[in-house]
Protein backbone atom coordinates (compact mmCIF):
# COMPACT_ATOMS: atom_id res chain seq x y z
CA MET A 1 -75.31 -134.04 -79.56
CA ILE A 2 -74.20 -130.78 -81.15
CA PHE A 3 -70.85 -130.95 -79.36
CA PHE A 4 -70.04 -134.56 -80.25
CA GLY A 5 -71.11 -134.02 -83.85
CA VAL A 6 -68.75 -131.08 -84.13
CA LEU A 7 -65.99 -133.10 -82.45
CA LEU A 8 -66.39 -135.75 -85.15
CA ILE A 9 -65.96 -133.08 -87.83
CA THR A 10 -63.07 -131.44 -86.00
CA ASN A 11 -61.19 -134.73 -85.87
CA SER A 12 -61.19 -134.91 -89.69
CA PHE A 13 -58.98 -131.83 -89.99
CA TYR A 14 -57.32 -132.15 -86.57
CA PRO A 15 -53.67 -132.61 -87.74
CA ASP A 16 -53.73 -129.45 -89.89
CA LEU A 17 -55.51 -127.51 -87.16
CA LEU A 18 -52.98 -128.63 -84.59
CA SER A 19 -49.91 -127.91 -86.69
CA PHE A 20 -51.16 -124.35 -87.22
CA ALA A 21 -51.93 -123.74 -83.55
CA GLN A 22 -48.69 -125.20 -82.23
CA THR A 23 -46.12 -123.89 -84.68
CA SER A 24 -43.04 -123.04 -82.62
CA ILE A 25 -45.13 -122.93 -79.44
CA LEU A 26 -43.80 -125.10 -76.64
CA PRO A 27 -45.05 -124.83 -73.04
CA ASP A 28 -42.59 -124.42 -70.18
CA ALA A 29 -42.08 -127.38 -67.89
CA PRO A 30 -43.32 -126.61 -64.36
CA ASN A 31 -41.00 -125.97 -61.44
CA TYR A 32 -41.51 -129.52 -60.19
CA THR A 33 -39.84 -130.90 -57.05
CA ALA A 34 -39.79 -134.32 -55.38
CA VAL A 35 -37.46 -136.36 -53.16
CA THR A 36 -35.07 -139.22 -53.79
CA LEU A 37 -35.58 -142.60 -52.14
CA ASP A 38 -32.97 -141.42 -49.60
CA GLY A 39 -35.14 -138.42 -48.73
CA ASN A 40 -33.09 -135.70 -50.46
CA GLN A 41 -35.06 -132.96 -52.22
CA VAL A 42 -34.57 -132.72 -55.99
CA SER A 43 -35.95 -130.48 -58.71
CA LEU A 44 -36.31 -130.49 -62.49
CA SER A 45 -34.31 -127.26 -62.52
CA ASP A 46 -31.31 -129.32 -61.35
CA LEU A 47 -31.33 -130.94 -64.81
CA ASP A 48 -31.26 -127.73 -66.88
CA GLY A 49 -29.21 -128.25 -70.01
CA SER A 50 -30.20 -131.92 -70.34
CA VAL A 51 -32.98 -133.66 -72.23
CA VAL A 52 -35.25 -135.26 -69.64
CA MET A 53 -37.89 -137.96 -69.98
CA ILE A 54 -39.87 -137.98 -66.74
CA ASN A 55 -42.26 -140.87 -66.16
CA VAL A 56 -44.82 -141.11 -63.35
CA TRP A 57 -45.49 -144.65 -62.12
CA ALA A 58 -46.43 -146.83 -59.14
CA THR A 59 -45.59 -150.39 -58.07
CA TRP A 60 -49.29 -151.31 -58.16
CA CYS A 61 -49.66 -150.11 -61.78
CA GLU A 62 -49.32 -153.02 -64.23
CA PRO A 63 -48.81 -150.88 -67.41
CA CYS A 64 -46.15 -148.92 -65.52
CA ARG A 65 -44.21 -152.06 -64.64
CA GLU A 66 -44.45 -153.34 -68.21
CA GLU A 67 -42.92 -150.23 -69.82
CA MET A 68 -40.10 -149.68 -67.30
CA PRO A 69 -37.65 -152.22 -68.86
CA ALA A 70 -37.99 -150.36 -72.18
CA LEU A 71 -37.36 -147.06 -70.40
CA GLN A 72 -34.18 -148.59 -69.00
CA GLU A 73 -33.21 -149.71 -72.51
CA LEU A 74 -33.78 -146.17 -73.77
CA GLN A 75 -31.59 -144.76 -70.99
CA ASN A 76 -28.85 -147.26 -71.88
CA ARG A 77 -29.05 -146.31 -75.56
CA PHE A 78 -28.33 -142.65 -74.76
CA SER A 79 -26.13 -143.21 -71.71
CA GLU A 80 -23.27 -141.21 -73.27
CA SER A 81 -25.51 -138.23 -74.05
CA GLU A 82 -27.08 -135.44 -72.02
CA PHE A 83 -30.23 -137.48 -71.57
CA SER A 84 -31.87 -138.65 -68.36
CA VAL A 85 -34.83 -140.88 -67.67
CA ILE A 86 -36.49 -139.98 -64.37
CA GLY A 87 -39.07 -142.27 -62.83
CA VAL A 88 -41.40 -140.64 -60.32
CA SER A 89 -43.12 -143.07 -57.96
CA ILE A 90 -46.40 -142.01 -56.37
CA ASP A 91 -46.44 -144.95 -53.94
CA ASP A 92 -47.49 -144.19 -50.37
CA LYS A 93 -45.17 -143.04 -47.63
CA GLY A 94 -43.20 -145.86 -46.08
CA SER A 95 -43.00 -147.86 -49.30
CA ASN A 96 -39.34 -147.03 -50.04
CA GLN A 97 -38.11 -150.56 -49.38
CA MET A 98 -40.85 -152.07 -51.52
CA ILE A 99 -39.93 -149.68 -54.36
CA GLN A 100 -36.24 -150.55 -54.00
CA ASN A 101 -36.94 -154.29 -54.06
CA PHE A 102 -39.01 -153.92 -57.21
CA LEU A 103 -36.30 -151.88 -58.97
CA GLU A 104 -33.67 -154.48 -58.12
CA SER A 105 -35.87 -157.32 -59.34
CA GLN A 106 -36.32 -155.59 -62.70
CA ASN A 107 -32.73 -154.33 -63.01
CA ILE A 108 -33.93 -150.72 -63.18
CA SER A 109 -31.02 -148.36 -62.63
CA TYR A 110 -32.23 -145.05 -64.04
CA THR A 111 -32.98 -142.27 -61.53
CA ILE A 112 -36.04 -142.72 -59.33
CA TRP A 113 -37.78 -139.96 -57.40
CA HIS A 114 -40.61 -140.28 -54.88
CA ASP A 115 -43.64 -137.97 -54.94
CA LEU A 116 -45.41 -138.52 -51.63
CA GLU A 117 -48.08 -135.88 -52.29
CA ASP A 118 -48.67 -136.70 -55.99
CA LYS A 119 -47.71 -133.16 -56.99
CA PHE A 120 -46.86 -134.51 -60.43
CA GLN A 121 -50.55 -134.74 -61.32
CA PHE A 122 -51.15 -131.07 -60.60
CA ALA A 123 -47.89 -129.88 -62.17
CA PHE A 124 -48.24 -131.77 -65.45
CA ARG A 125 -52.05 -132.00 -65.61
CA THR A 126 -52.01 -135.79 -65.71
CA ILE A 127 -55.08 -138.00 -65.52
CA GLY A 128 -53.49 -141.19 -64.18
CA VAL A 129 -50.47 -143.46 -64.39
CA PRO A 130 -48.38 -144.06 -66.31
CA GLU A 131 -47.74 -140.77 -68.06
CA THR A 132 -44.48 -139.57 -69.56
CA VAL A 133 -43.17 -136.12 -70.47
CA LEU A 134 -40.21 -135.29 -72.72
CA ILE A 135 -38.49 -131.99 -71.85
CA ASN A 136 -35.79 -130.34 -73.96
CA LYS A 137 -32.59 -128.63 -72.79
CA ASP A 138 -34.36 -125.29 -72.47
CA GLY A 139 -37.00 -126.66 -70.10
CA LYS A 140 -39.78 -126.81 -72.72
CA ILE A 141 -42.25 -129.68 -72.96
CA LEU A 142 -41.76 -131.39 -76.32
CA HIS A 143 -44.29 -134.16 -75.89
CA GLN A 144 -46.54 -135.79 -73.30
CA TRP A 145 -47.66 -139.41 -73.57
CA ARG A 146 -50.88 -140.15 -71.69
CA GLY A 147 -51.01 -143.78 -70.70
CA ALA A 148 -48.55 -146.53 -71.56
CA PHE A 149 -46.35 -146.08 -74.64
CA ASP A 150 -43.38 -147.77 -76.32
CA PRO A 151 -40.16 -146.05 -75.19
CA MET A 152 -38.21 -147.87 -77.92
CA ALA A 153 -40.54 -146.96 -80.79
CA ASP A 154 -38.85 -145.26 -83.76
CA SER A 155 -40.84 -142.07 -83.17
CA THR A 156 -39.74 -141.94 -79.50
CA ILE A 157 -36.08 -142.49 -80.37
CA SER A 158 -36.32 -139.82 -83.09
CA ARG A 159 -37.77 -137.35 -80.59
CA VAL A 160 -34.89 -137.90 -78.18
CA GLU A 161 -32.24 -137.71 -80.91
CA LEU A 162 -33.63 -134.46 -82.29
CA ALA A 163 -34.04 -133.00 -78.79
CA LEU A 164 -30.36 -133.70 -78.13
CA MET A 165 -29.59 -131.73 -81.31
CA ASP A 166 -31.91 -128.91 -80.17
CA LEU A 167 -34.38 -129.74 -82.93
CA GLU A 168 -38.11 -130.40 -82.68
CA TYR A 169 -39.69 -133.64 -83.88
CA VAL A 170 -42.27 -133.32 -86.66
CA GLY A 171 -44.27 -136.41 -87.57
CA ASP A 172 -47.71 -137.94 -87.86
CA ASP A 173 -48.02 -138.13 -84.07
CA SER A 174 -46.24 -134.86 -83.34
CA THR A 175 -48.80 -133.54 -80.88
CA ASN A 176 -47.88 -132.92 -77.29
CA GLY A 177 -50.09 -133.39 -74.26
CA ILE A 178 -51.55 -129.93 -74.40
CA GLY A 179 -52.17 -130.18 -78.13
CA GLU A 180 -54.84 -132.85 -77.81
CA ASN A 181 -56.99 -130.31 -75.97
CA ILE A 182 -57.11 -128.09 -79.05
CA ALA A 183 -59.44 -130.45 -80.93
CA VAL A 184 -61.79 -130.51 -77.94
CA GLY A 185 -61.50 -126.73 -77.54
CA ALA A 186 -62.27 -126.28 -81.25
CA ALA A 187 -65.39 -128.44 -80.94
CA ILE A 188 -66.49 -126.46 -77.87
CA ALA A 189 -65.87 -123.15 -79.65
CA PHE A 190 -67.76 -124.13 -82.81
CA SER A 191 -70.67 -125.55 -80.79
CA ALA A 192 -70.79 -122.34 -78.76
CA GLY A 193 -70.92 -120.33 -81.98
CA LEU A 194 -73.90 -122.36 -83.22
CA LEU A 195 -75.63 -122.02 -79.86
CA SER A 196 -74.99 -118.26 -79.96
CA PHE A 197 -76.72 -118.04 -83.34
CA LEU A 198 -79.68 -120.03 -81.99
CA SER A 199 -79.87 -117.96 -78.79
CA PRO A 200 -82.90 -115.80 -77.95
CA CYS A 201 -80.73 -112.71 -78.47
CA VAL A 202 -79.66 -113.43 -82.04
CA LEU A 203 -82.08 -115.70 -83.92
CA PRO A 204 -85.21 -113.54 -83.50
CA LEU A 205 -83.23 -110.56 -84.83
CA ILE A 206 -82.19 -112.29 -88.06
CA PRO A 207 -85.10 -110.71 -90.00
CA VAL A 208 -83.93 -107.30 -88.77
CA TYR A 209 -80.36 -107.93 -89.98
CA ALA A 210 -81.72 -109.36 -93.23
CA SER A 211 -83.69 -106.19 -93.75
CA PHE A 212 -80.54 -104.16 -93.14
CA LEU A 213 -78.48 -106.25 -95.58
CA THR A 214 -81.06 -106.06 -98.36
CA GLY A 215 -82.53 -102.63 -97.70
CA LEU A 216 -86.01 -104.16 -97.88
CA SER A 217 -88.70 -104.76 -95.30
CA VAL A 218 -89.64 -108.32 -94.34
CA LYS A 219 -92.87 -107.99 -96.30
CA GLU A 220 -91.05 -106.76 -99.41
CA MET A 221 -88.56 -109.64 -99.21
CA SER A 222 -91.36 -112.20 -99.09
CA GLU A 223 -93.15 -110.68 -102.09
CA LYS A 224 -90.20 -110.54 -104.52
CA SER A 225 -90.45 -112.56 -107.72
CA ASN A 226 -88.16 -115.56 -108.25
CA LEU A 227 -85.86 -113.54 -110.52
CA ASN A 228 -85.54 -110.76 -108.01
CA LYS A 229 -85.04 -113.31 -105.21
CA LYS A 230 -81.92 -114.58 -106.98
CA LYS A 231 -80.48 -111.07 -107.07
CA LEU A 232 -81.63 -110.59 -103.50
CA ARG A 233 -79.69 -113.66 -102.34
CA ILE A 234 -76.51 -112.51 -104.08
CA SER A 235 -76.76 -109.06 -102.52
CA ALA A 236 -77.58 -110.37 -99.03
CA THR A 237 -74.79 -112.95 -99.15
CA SER A 238 -72.09 -110.52 -100.32
CA ARG A 239 -72.99 -107.99 -97.66
CA GLY A 240 -73.45 -110.79 -95.12
CA ILE A 241 -69.81 -111.76 -95.65
CA LEU A 242 -68.74 -108.23 -94.74
CA PHE A 243 -70.99 -108.36 -91.68
CA VAL A 244 -69.48 -111.61 -90.37
CA LEU A 245 -65.96 -110.33 -91.11
CA GLY A 246 -66.81 -107.38 -88.88
CA PHE A 247 -67.84 -109.36 -85.81
CA SER A 248 -65.14 -111.99 -86.45
CA THR A 249 -62.49 -109.28 -86.31
CA ILE A 250 -63.71 -108.22 -82.86
CA PHE A 251 -63.91 -111.79 -81.54
CA ILE A 252 -60.44 -112.76 -82.82
CA LEU A 253 -58.92 -109.61 -81.31
CA LEU A 254 -60.58 -110.43 -77.99
CA GLY A 255 -59.31 -114.02 -78.12
CA SER A 256 -55.76 -112.95 -78.92
CA THR A 257 -55.80 -110.37 -76.13
CA VAL A 258 -57.00 -112.66 -73.36
CA ALA A 259 -54.67 -115.47 -74.52
CA PHE A 260 -51.74 -113.03 -74.49
CA ALA A 261 -52.70 -112.00 -70.96
CA GLY A 262 -52.79 -115.68 -69.98
CA SER A 263 -49.34 -116.24 -71.54
CA LEU A 264 -47.87 -113.66 -69.17
CA PHE A 265 -48.67 -116.01 -66.28
CA LEU A 266 -47.45 -119.36 -67.65
CA ASN A 267 -46.26 -120.47 -64.21
CA ALA A 268 -49.80 -120.01 -62.93
CA SER A 269 -51.48 -121.75 -65.89
CA GLN A 270 -53.00 -124.42 -63.62
CA TRP A 271 -54.64 -121.73 -61.51
CA ILE A 272 -55.90 -119.97 -64.63
CA GLU A 273 -57.60 -123.22 -65.65
CA ARG A 274 -59.18 -123.73 -62.25
CA ILE A 275 -60.38 -120.15 -61.91
CA GLY A 276 -61.66 -120.39 -65.47
CA GLY A 277 -63.52 -123.56 -64.51
CA VAL A 278 -65.30 -121.75 -61.69
CA ILE A 279 -66.21 -118.90 -64.05
CA LEU A 280 -67.64 -121.33 -66.62
CA ILE A 281 -69.73 -123.10 -63.97
CA VAL A 282 -71.11 -119.76 -62.76
CA LEU A 283 -71.91 -118.73 -66.36
CA GLY A 284 -73.56 -122.10 -66.95
CA LEU A 285 -75.76 -121.72 -63.88
CA HIS A 286 -76.67 -118.23 -65.08
CA LEU A 287 -77.72 -119.60 -68.47
CA LEU A 288 -79.73 -122.38 -66.80
CA GLY A 289 -81.58 -119.74 -64.81
CA VAL A 290 -80.52 -121.09 -61.40
CA PHE A 291 -79.68 -117.48 -60.61
CA ARG A 292 -79.30 -114.35 -62.70
CA ILE A 293 -76.25 -112.09 -62.78
CA LYS A 294 -77.57 -108.61 -63.49
CA TRP A 295 -74.46 -107.13 -65.10
CA LEU A 296 -74.35 -110.02 -67.58
CA GLU A 297 -77.76 -108.94 -68.82
CA ARG A 298 -76.61 -105.47 -69.82
CA GLN A 299 -76.26 -104.85 -73.52
CA ILE A 300 -74.99 -102.23 -75.91
CA LYS A 301 -77.79 -101.38 -78.30
CA PHE A 302 -77.32 -99.99 -81.78
CA ASP A 303 -79.84 -99.18 -84.47
CA VAL A 304 -78.79 -100.81 -87.72
CA THR A 305 -81.24 -98.70 -89.70
CA LYS A 306 -79.18 -95.59 -88.98
CA LYS A 307 -75.91 -97.06 -90.25
CA SER A 308 -74.45 -96.47 -93.68
CA SER A 309 -75.77 -98.80 -96.32
CA GLY A 310 -72.37 -99.00 -98.02
CA LYS A 311 -69.85 -101.82 -97.72
CA SER A 312 -67.89 -100.09 -94.97
CA GLY A 313 -71.12 -99.50 -93.09
CA THR A 314 -71.96 -103.21 -93.21
CA PHE A 315 -68.51 -104.10 -91.87
CA LEU A 316 -68.83 -101.54 -89.06
CA VAL A 317 -72.26 -102.86 -88.08
CA GLY A 318 -70.69 -106.33 -87.86
CA MET A 319 -68.01 -104.95 -85.57
CA ALA A 320 -70.69 -103.27 -83.46
CA PHE A 321 -72.54 -106.58 -83.23
CA GLY A 322 -69.34 -108.27 -82.01
CA ALA A 323 -68.65 -105.55 -79.46
CA GLY A 324 -72.23 -105.48 -78.15
CA TRP A 325 -72.76 -107.37 -74.88
CA THR A 326 -76.11 -109.12 -74.96
CA PRO A 327 -77.74 -111.23 -72.21
CA CYS A 328 -77.41 -114.47 -74.22
CA ILE A 329 -74.30 -114.26 -76.36
CA GLY A 330 -72.30 -112.43 -73.66
CA PRO A 331 -71.99 -115.36 -71.20
CA ILE A 332 -71.27 -117.82 -74.03
CA LEU A 333 -68.58 -115.56 -75.47
CA ALA A 334 -67.14 -115.04 -71.98
CA GLY A 335 -66.90 -118.82 -71.59
CA ILE A 336 -64.92 -119.22 -74.83
CA LEU A 337 -62.66 -116.33 -73.82
CA THR A 338 -62.03 -118.12 -70.51
CA ILE A 339 -60.90 -121.25 -72.37
CA ALA A 340 -58.73 -119.07 -74.64
CA ALA A 341 -57.08 -117.49 -71.59
CA SER A 342 -56.27 -120.93 -70.16
CA SER A 343 -54.56 -121.92 -73.43
CA SER A 344 -51.76 -119.40 -72.64
CA SER A 345 -51.04 -119.10 -76.39
CA VAL A 346 -51.93 -116.14 -78.59
CA LEU A 347 -52.25 -118.37 -81.65
CA SER A 348 -54.48 -120.85 -79.80
CA GLY A 349 -56.63 -118.01 -78.48
CA ALA A 350 -57.01 -116.47 -81.94
CA LEU A 351 -57.77 -119.91 -83.39
CA LEU A 352 -60.46 -120.70 -80.80
CA LEU A 353 -62.22 -117.38 -81.40
CA SER A 354 -61.90 -117.83 -85.17
CA ILE A 355 -63.69 -121.18 -84.83
CA TYR A 356 -66.29 -119.62 -82.52
CA SER A 357 -66.85 -116.91 -85.16
CA ALA A 358 -67.22 -119.61 -87.84
CA GLY A 359 -69.86 -121.35 -85.73
CA LEU A 360 -71.81 -118.11 -85.60
CA ALA A 361 -71.01 -116.98 -89.16
CA ILE A 362 -71.85 -120.12 -91.16
CA PRO A 363 -75.54 -120.31 -90.18
CA PHE A 364 -75.76 -116.53 -90.55
CA LEU A 365 -74.45 -116.68 -94.13
CA LEU A 366 -76.76 -119.60 -94.89
CA SER A 367 -79.68 -117.56 -93.59
CA ALA A 368 -78.58 -114.59 -95.72
CA PHE A 369 -78.49 -116.81 -98.82
CA ALA A 370 -81.87 -118.44 -98.06
CA ILE A 371 -83.37 -115.21 -96.81
CA ASP A 372 -86.96 -116.19 -97.61
CA ARG A 373 -86.77 -119.57 -95.85
CA ILE A 374 -85.06 -118.32 -92.68
CA LEU A 375 -88.19 -116.35 -91.84
CA ALA A 376 -90.16 -119.60 -91.58
CA PHE A 377 -87.34 -121.23 -89.56
CA THR A 378 -87.26 -118.45 -86.96
CA SER A 379 -90.99 -118.88 -86.46
CA PHE A 380 -90.59 -122.66 -86.04
CA ILE A 381 -87.82 -122.46 -83.43
CA LYS A 382 -89.21 -119.49 -81.52
CA ASN A 383 -90.82 -121.65 -78.81
CA ARG A 384 -87.64 -123.70 -78.37
CA LEU A 385 -85.19 -120.89 -77.64
CA MET A 386 -85.22 -121.50 -73.89
CA TRP A 387 -83.90 -125.02 -74.45
CA ILE A 388 -81.03 -123.65 -76.51
CA GLU A 389 -80.00 -121.48 -73.58
CA ARG A 390 -80.24 -124.45 -71.19
CA ILE A 391 -78.10 -126.61 -73.48
CA SER A 392 -75.49 -123.83 -73.47
CA GLY A 393 -75.60 -123.77 -69.68
CA LEU A 394 -75.10 -127.53 -69.38
CA LEU A 395 -72.20 -127.43 -71.87
CA PHE A 396 -70.40 -124.75 -69.90
CA ILE A 397 -70.98 -126.43 -66.54
CA GLY A 398 -69.53 -129.67 -67.92
CA ILE A 399 -66.46 -127.98 -69.38
CA GLY A 400 -66.08 -125.89 -66.23
CA ILE A 401 -65.93 -129.03 -64.07
CA ILE A 402 -63.27 -130.52 -66.35
CA LEU A 403 -61.18 -127.33 -66.21
CA LEU A 404 -61.63 -127.08 -62.45
CA THR A 405 -60.31 -130.60 -61.93
CA GLY A 406 -57.45 -130.04 -64.38
CA THR A 407 -58.48 -132.95 -66.62
CA LEU A 408 -59.55 -131.37 -69.91
CA THR A 409 -57.88 -134.27 -71.70
CA VAL A 410 -60.34 -136.73 -70.13
CA LEU A 411 -62.94 -135.67 -72.69
CA SER A 412 -60.67 -136.37 -75.65
CA ASP A 413 -59.54 -139.66 -74.08
CA ILE A 414 -63.15 -140.81 -73.60
CA PHE A 415 -64.00 -139.82 -77.16
CA ASN A 416 -60.87 -141.55 -78.44
CA THR A 417 -61.75 -144.78 -76.59
CA SER A 418 -65.43 -144.72 -77.52
CA PHE A 419 -65.07 -143.93 -81.22
CA GLY A 420 -61.60 -145.30 -81.98
CA PHE A 421 -60.00 -142.02 -83.03
CA ASN A 422 -56.32 -141.36 -82.46
CA PHE A 423 -55.80 -137.88 -81.07
CA GLN A 424 -52.14 -138.54 -80.39
């Protein structure tokens, strides 16, 4: 429920979020190979210097058959340009004649390849047929349509025209296939931040941090008059902001670093996702208590009472909190870092960890402002902390399975279908 609620909120600012994360960032097209209907091996690299629209289809796929005449019309429209429509059939071996008969019956003359092993799915992270990818002259993926689309729509024609002029399309539906995962990743990151705050390693320590921020004991905070409580809230909130800026700085640096490391291995991005999926499943099982990983339960301890009470001291304590590895927040943070690494984009990695930090920071700041009420809340939820950890485990196992199968977009597609949102 937490995740889907956050996904609803994320969708409201999704276009602005996406435009920030994807500015001037285009993923490389994979080194994809197939064969012609005559059995000759071909590769996308053979088309370097041309704008390519590659469409995966099958003779048994009704939506595929319906959009192919429009793809032919698009090819005819740009027949004098450096533009090629490539249709990739995933029909079974021995179906060459059937494919050829179908093409002739529909007057399809654009180039057709045959993918006997369905390598297209792995290379382009597809979830079915049809799917279509637009690639520019430099071998960068400009856009990926999941499911049937209108090849002769104004937005599609504009994309091709701009690609031929080495320009990038910007419009209301300017997301590419990878971009739709950002909204889901943002929802995961924010939910993980909330779960981190509610974890047995953080929530019970809120009174300790409150005492540090105010310089008062828990008893003294509860005995302050209403006038003093107002001043207390202002002081705790202002210093709380410095505290969250401290741990946010550490988290964002971590996210940028692991995403940069992932960007160095763009050609192995699919393997990064799958390895990351395994890691998330293992972390999820750890959080569920199926087994315990000892080194994940190590933590760096620091005594906040010995830190400077000044503004710089508050910021440094926040950084120490972010750098400390605790048994609960450590696995959750590691899971978000895994997703950031699979994004293969420094901006996306920084954005995901910024959102994770917000998920942890917002309830912390609210607790700093309502310092007297948070004490009662921590007592109420104390007996429910184990369930918070189990929810975290289930979330990471679910996301791990999706990453492992290479279908992160399934989640956004299901949400789109169920709630009527347009993520593309």
